[in-house]
Amino acid sequence: MGALNNRFMLSNFTARSVNVGLVAVISVLGVNAVNASPTSNEFEECHVLASKILLDCLNRNTNSIHIGQCWPKSKSSYDVCHSEVMSRHDRSAIKKRRALAEALEAEIEAMESND
């Protein structure tokens, strides 16, 4: 009887662990993301990052032939950051995240009904 009880407790613990993990995944996906256009303050981190990269590069390459590489590095980091901000508001990406979240919720419900 003890082995059966231990097996039940282990399967119950595993199911709860999976549920917690799936809930965490759903929250990371940002299911409740806002569909509105990005605001200027959302790009602030991009400006700060690009500025830091540019200043760091200029300080390291003073009187150097490599100073011309500073602006492209800074611009590239800004462009990547900008794309990430824009993708958070991309309606098709939001739809994909919602579909994935719904599939995960259905999986959780199926697992709970099997317990």
C-alpha atoms as a PDB file:
ATOM      1  CA  MET A   1       0.000   0.000   0.000  1.00  0.00           C
ATOM      2  CA  GLY A   2       2.894   2.336   0.821  1.00  0.00           C
ATOM      3  CA  ALA A   3       4.381   1.921  -2.668  1.00  0.00           C
ATOM      4  CA  LEU A   4       1.009   2.694  -4.264  1.00  0.00           C
ATOM      5  CA  ASN A   5       0.603   5.785  -2.091  1.00  0.00           C
ATOM      6  CA  ASN A   6       4.143   6.937  -2.961  1.00  0.00           C
ATOM      7  CA  ARG A   7       3.454   6.428  -6.681  1.00  0.00           C
ATOM      8  CA  PHE A   8       0.239   8.459  -6.431  1.00  0.00           C
ATOM      9  CA  MET A   9       2.028  11.246  -4.565  1.00  0.00           C
ATOM     10  CA  LEU A  10       4.812  11.258  -7.172  1.00  0.00           C
ATOM     11  CA  SER A  11       2.373  11.393 -10.124  1.00  0.00           C
ATOM     12  CA  ASN A  12       0.363  14.119  -8.367  1.00  0.00           C
ATOM     13  CA  PHE A  13       3.578  16.089  -7.726  1.00  0.00           C
ATOM     14  CA  THR A  14       4.643  15.623 -11.362  1.00  0.00           C
ATOM     15  CA  ALA A  15       1.267  16.847 -12.649  1.00  0.00           C
ATOM     16  CA  ARG A  16       1.449  19.926 -10.433  1.00  0.00           C
ATOM     17  CA  SER A  17       5.030  20.585 -11.587  1.00  0.00           C
ATOM     18  CA  VAL A  18       3.973  20.353 -15.228  1.00  0.00           C
ATOM     19  CA  ASN A  19       1.017  22.673 -14.568  1.00  0.00           C
ATOM     20  CA  VAL A  20       3.255  25.240 -12.909  1.00  0.00           C
ATOM     21  CA  GLY A  21       5.714  24.985 -15.801  1.00  0.00           C
ATOM     22  CA  LEU A  22       3.007  25.438 -18.412  1.00  0.00           C
ATOM     23  CA  VAL A  23       1.525  28.403 -16.589  1.00  0.00           C
ATOM     24  CA  ALA A  24       4.990  29.966 -16.526  1.00  0.00           C
ATOM     25  CA  VAL A  25       5.357  29.401 -20.276  1.00  0.00           C
ATOM     26  CA  ILE A  26       1.970  30.964 -20.923  1.00  0.00           C
ATOM     27  CA  SER A  27       2.878  34.060 -18.912  1.00  0.00           C
ATOM     28  CA  VAL A  28       6.201  34.396 -20.720  1.00  0.00           C
ATOM     29  CA  LEU A  29       4.399  34.275 -24.042  1.00  0.00           C
ATOM     30  CA  GLY A  30       2.601  37.451 -23.102  1.00  0.00           C
ATOM     31  CA  VAL A  31      -0.850  36.276 -24.020  1.00  0.00           C
ATOM     32  CA  ASN A  32      -2.357  39.495 -22.763  1.00  0.00           C
ATOM     33  CA  ALA A  33      -0.068  41.635 -24.887  1.00  0.00           C
ATOM     34  CA  VAL A  34      -1.525  44.919 -26.007  1.00  0.00           C
ATOM     35  CA  ASN A  35      -2.357  45.250 -29.686  1.00  0.00           C
ATOM     36  CA  ALA A  36      -1.753  48.991 -29.800  1.00  0.00           C
ATOM     37  CA  SER A  37       1.180  50.573 -31.566  1.00  0.00           C
ATOM     38  CA  PRO A  38       4.397  50.956 -29.590  1.00  0.00           C
ATOM     39  CA  THR A  39       4.860  54.188 -27.691  1.00  0.00           C
ATOM     40  CA  SER A  40       8.028  56.255 -27.710  1.00  0.00           C
ATOM     41  CA  ASN A  41       8.979  55.196 -24.187  1.00  0.00           C
ATOM     42  CA  GLU A  42       9.158  51.568 -25.369  1.00  0.00           C
ATOM     43  CA  PHE A  43      12.046  52.562 -27.638  1.00  0.00           C
ATOM     44  CA  GLU A  44      13.940  54.284 -24.814  1.00  0.00           C
ATOM     45  CA  GLU A  45      15.907  51.119 -24.031  1.00  0.00           C
ATOM     46  CA  CYS A  46      16.946  50.973 -27.696  1.00  0.00           C
ATOM     47  CA  HIS A  47      18.244  54.545 -27.594  1.00  0.00           C
ATOM     48  CA  VAL A  48      20.142  53.925 -24.361  1.00  0.00           C
ATOM     49  CA  LEU A  49      21.708  50.709 -25.666  1.00  0.00           C
ATOM     50  CA  ALA A  50      22.755  52.264 -28.978  1.00  0.00           C
ATOM     51  CA  SER A  51      24.220  55.303 -27.183  1.00  0.00           C
ATOM     52  CA  LYS A  52      26.232  53.163 -24.784  1.00  0.00           C
ATOM     53  CA  ILE A  53      27.612  51.051 -27.622  1.00  0.00           C
ATOM     54  CA  LEU A  54      28.522  54.137 -29.650  1.00  0.00           C
ATOM     55  CA  LEU A  55      30.218  55.935 -26.745  1.00  0.00           C
ATOM     56  CA  ASP A  56      32.084  52.818 -25.645  1.00  0.00           C
ATOM     57  CA  CYS A  57      33.341  52.214 -29.170  1.00  0.00           C
ATOM     58  CA  LEU A  58      34.382  55.860 -29.642  1.00  0.00           C
ATOM     59  CA  ASN A  59      36.219  55.857 -26.306  1.00  0.00           C
ATOM     60  CA  ARG A  60      38.081  52.647 -27.152  1.00  0.00           C
ATOM     61  CA  ASN A  61      38.998  53.738 -30.667  1.00  0.00           C
ATOM     62  CA  THR A  62      40.182  57.312 -30.115  1.00  0.00           C
ATOM     63  CA  ASN A  63      42.660  58.228 -32.846  1.00  0.00           C
ATOM     64  CA  SER A  64      42.138  54.840 -34.478  1.00  0.00           C
ATOM     65  CA  ILE A  65      41.397  53.782 -38.007  1.00  0.00           C
ATOM     66  CA  HIS A  66      38.572  51.598 -36.586  1.00  0.00           C
ATOM     67  CA  ILE A  67      36.504  54.570 -35.410  1.00  0.00           C
ATOM     68  CA  GLY A  68      34.403  54.303 -38.579  1.00  0.00           C
ATOM     69  CA  GLN A  69      33.015  50.983 -37.297  1.00  0.00           C
ATOM     70  CA  CYS A  70      31.378  52.610 -34.274  1.00  0.00           C
ATOM     71  CA  TRP A  71      28.295  54.047 -35.944  1.00  0.00           C
ATOM     72  CA  PRO A  72      27.374  50.825 -37.819  1.00  0.00           C
ATOM     73  CA  LYS A  73      27.689  48.795 -34.583  1.00  0.00           C
ATOM     74  CA  SER A  74      25.481  51.249 -32.726  1.00  0.00           C
ATOM     75  CA  LYS A  75      22.940  51.431 -35.551  1.00  0.00           C
ATOM     76  CA  SER A  76      22.814  47.648 -35.813  1.00  0.00           C
ATOM     77  CA  SER A  77      22.073  47.243 -32.097  1.00  0.00           C
ATOM     78  CA  TYR A  78      19.355  49.891 -32.343  1.00  0.00           C
ATOM     79  CA  ASP A  79      17.787  48.169 -35.356  1.00  0.00           C
ATOM     80  CA  VAL A  80      17.647  44.802 -33.560  1.00  0.00           C
ATOM     81  CA  CYS A  81      16.108  46.381 -30.464  1.00  0.00           C
ATOM     82  CA  HIS A  82      13.620  48.333 -32.592  1.00  0.00           C
ATOM     83  CA  SER A  83      12.561  45.137 -34.378  1.00  0.00           C
ATOM     84  CA  GLU A  84      12.010  43.404 -31.041  1.00  0.00           C
ATOM     85  CA  VAL A  85       9.802  46.239 -29.794  1.00  0.00           C
ATOM     86  CA  MET A  86       7.810  46.219 -33.026  1.00  0.00           C
ATOM     87  CA  SER A  87       7.361  42.437 -32.917  1.00  0.00           C
ATOM     88  CA  ARG A  88       5.738  42.733 -29.483  1.00  0.00           C
ATOM     89  CA  HIS A  89       2.940  44.651 -31.256  1.00  0.00           C
ATOM     90  CA  ASP A  90       2.792  42.526 -34.413  1.00  0.00           C
ATOM     91  CA  ARG A  91      -0.783  41.264 -34.668  1.00  0.00           C
ATOM     92  CA  SER A  92       0.189  38.025 -36.438  1.00  0.00           C
ATOM     93  CA  ALA A  93       2.787  37.243 -33.751  1.00  0.00           C
ATOM     94  CA  ILE A  94       0.198  37.976 -31.058  1.00  0.00           C
ATOM     95  CA  LYS A  95      -2.233  35.588 -32.755  1.00  0.00           C
ATOM     96  CA  LYS A  96       0.443  32.870 -32.820  1.00  0.00           C
ATOM     97  CA  ARG A  97       1.207  33.381 -29.106  1.00  0.00           C
ATOM     98  CA  ARG A  98      -2.509  33.232 -28.285  1.00  0.00           C
ATOM     99  CA  ALA A  99      -2.957  30.011 -30.284  1.00  0.00           C
ATOM    100  CA  LEU A 100       0.022  28.455 -28.510  1.00  0.00           C
ATOM    101  CA  ALA A 101      -1.311  29.561 -25.137  1.00  0.00           C
ATOM    102  CA  GLU A 102      -4.744  28.092 -25.905  1.00  0.00           C
ATOM    103  CA  ALA A 103      -3.127  24.798 -26.937  1.00  0.00           C
ATOM    104  CA  LEU A 104      -1.139  24.734 -23.702  1.00  0.00           C
ATOM    105  CA  GLU A 105      -4.260  25.487 -21.666  1.00  0.00           C
ATOM    106  CA  ALA A 106      -6.074  22.620 -23.403  1.00  0.00           C
ATOM    107  CA  GLU A 107      -3.139  20.341 -22.596  1.00  0.00           C
ATOM    108  CA  ILE A 108      -3.272  21.373 -18.940  1.00  0.00           C
ATOM    109  CA  GLU A 109      -7.007  20.703 -18.797  1.00  0.00           C
ATOM    110  CA  ALA A 110      -6.511  17.281 -20.422  1.00  0.00           C
ATOM    111  CA  MET A 111      -3.781  16.401 -17.919  1.00  0.00           C
ATOM    112  CA  GLU A 112      -5.949  17.507 -14.994  1.00  0.00           C
ATOM    113  CA  SER A 113      -8.919  15.475 -16.224  1.00  0.00           C
ATOM    114  CA  ASN A 114      -6.670  12.383 -16.421  1.00  0.00           C
ATOM    115  CA  ASP A 115      -5.757  12.693 -12.740  1.00  0.00           C
END
